[in-house]
Protein backbone atom coordinates (compact mmCIF):
# COMPACT_ATOMS: atom_id res chain seq x y z
CA MET A 1 71.47 78.17 44.36
CA LYS A 2 68.50 77.61 42.10
CA SER A 3 68.67 78.62 38.45
CA ALA A 4 66.19 81.50 38.83
CA ALA A 5 67.99 82.98 41.84
CA LEU A 6 71.35 82.78 40.10
CA ARG A 7 69.99 84.23 36.86
CA GLU A 8 68.31 87.10 38.72
CA ARG A 9 71.44 87.83 40.76
CA LEU A 10 73.33 88.20 37.48
CA GLY A 11 70.62 90.47 36.07
CA LEU A 12 69.90 88.21 33.09
CA SER A 13 66.67 87.55 31.26
CA ARG A 14 65.58 83.97 30.70
CA ALA A 15 66.52 84.30 27.03
CA GLU A 16 70.04 85.55 27.88
CA TRP A 17 70.50 82.78 30.45
CA ALA A 18 69.32 80.12 27.99
CA ARG A 19 71.64 81.40 25.24
CA ALA A 20 74.60 81.51 27.62
CA LEU A 21 74.00 77.94 28.80
CA GLY A 22 73.30 76.56 25.35
CA VAL A 23 69.73 75.53 26.08
CA GLY A 24 66.30 76.68 24.99
CA GLU A 25 64.33 79.26 26.93
CA ARG A 26 61.67 76.61 27.58
CA THR A 27 64.32 74.53 29.37
CA VAL A 28 65.11 77.47 31.64
CA VAL A 29 61.40 77.84 32.41
CA ARG A 30 61.24 74.15 33.37
CA TRP A 31 64.25 74.57 35.68
CA GLU A 32 62.69 77.60 37.30
CA THR A 33 59.35 75.96 37.89
CA GLU A 34 61.26 73.00 39.36
CA ASP A 35 59.90 70.49 36.87
CA THR A 36 63.49 69.53 36.06
CA ASP A 37 66.99 70.30 37.30
CA PRO A 38 69.88 71.49 35.13
CA GLY A 39 72.30 68.79 34.11
CA GLY A 40 75.47 68.29 32.13
CA LEU A 41 77.51 71.27 31.06
CA ALA A 42 74.82 73.78 32.10
CA CYS A 43 74.99 72.47 35.66
CA GLU A 44 78.79 72.67 35.67
CA VAL A 45 78.77 76.24 34.34
CA MET A 46 76.20 77.30 36.93
CA HIS A 47 78.26 75.70 39.68
CA GLY A 48 81.36 77.55 38.48
CA ILE A 49 79.50 80.86 38.47
CA GLU A 50 78.20 80.19 41.99
CA ASN A 51 81.76 79.48 43.16
CA ALA A 52 83.02 82.70 41.59
CA LEU A 53 80.29 84.70 43.33
CA GLU A 54 81.08 83.01 46.67
CA GLU A 55 84.72 84.04 46.20
CA GLY A 56 83.65 87.65 45.83
CA VAL A 57 83.50 88.16 42.07
CA ASP A 58 81.03 90.95 41.32
CA ALA A 59 77.68 89.56 40.12
CA GLU A 60 77.11 92.50 37.77
CA ARG A 61 80.47 91.88 36.11
CA VAL A 62 79.72 88.18 35.71
CA GLY A 63 76.32 89.05 34.23
CA ARG A 64 77.98 91.32 31.64
CA LEU A 65 80.45 88.59 30.71
CA VAL A 66 77.72 85.97 30.47
CA ARG A 67 75.85 88.25 28.07
CA LEU A 68 78.98 88.23 25.90
CA GLY A 69 79.05 84.44 26.07
CA ILE A 70 80.52 81.73 28.22
CA GLY A 71 83.67 81.82 26.08
CA ALA A 72 84.29 85.40 27.22
CA LEU A 73 83.67 84.42 30.82
CA ILE A 74 86.15 81.55 30.59
CA PHE A 75 88.72 83.78 28.87
CA HIS A 76 88.47 86.46 31.55
CA GLU A 77 88.74 83.86 34.33
CA LEU A 78 91.83 82.35 32.74
CA MET A 79 93.39 85.79 32.38
CA ARG A 80 92.63 86.55 36.04
CA GLN A 81 94.24 83.31 37.12
CA LEU A 82 97.31 83.91 34.98
CA SER A 83 97.74 87.46 36.27
CA SER A 84 97.58 86.30 39.89
CA ARG A 85 100.58 83.96 39.47
């Protein structure tokens, strides 16, 4: 899924998406105009979010957690995994 489609599915602004991924808003604009592709940690985080959505995690919930920060998203995912054991 492209960055813009994923961001929009989560209901995030470009600024919120950039802050969550640890990049500048201009970088997000470049991704969305297809001048460049995400790389490094941003790419890994986006891939993880895509996987969560494919597994049925609610996009609105993920969007709220991303607004809180990736740390909160990771914490909630770890708690979910621990509670399912």
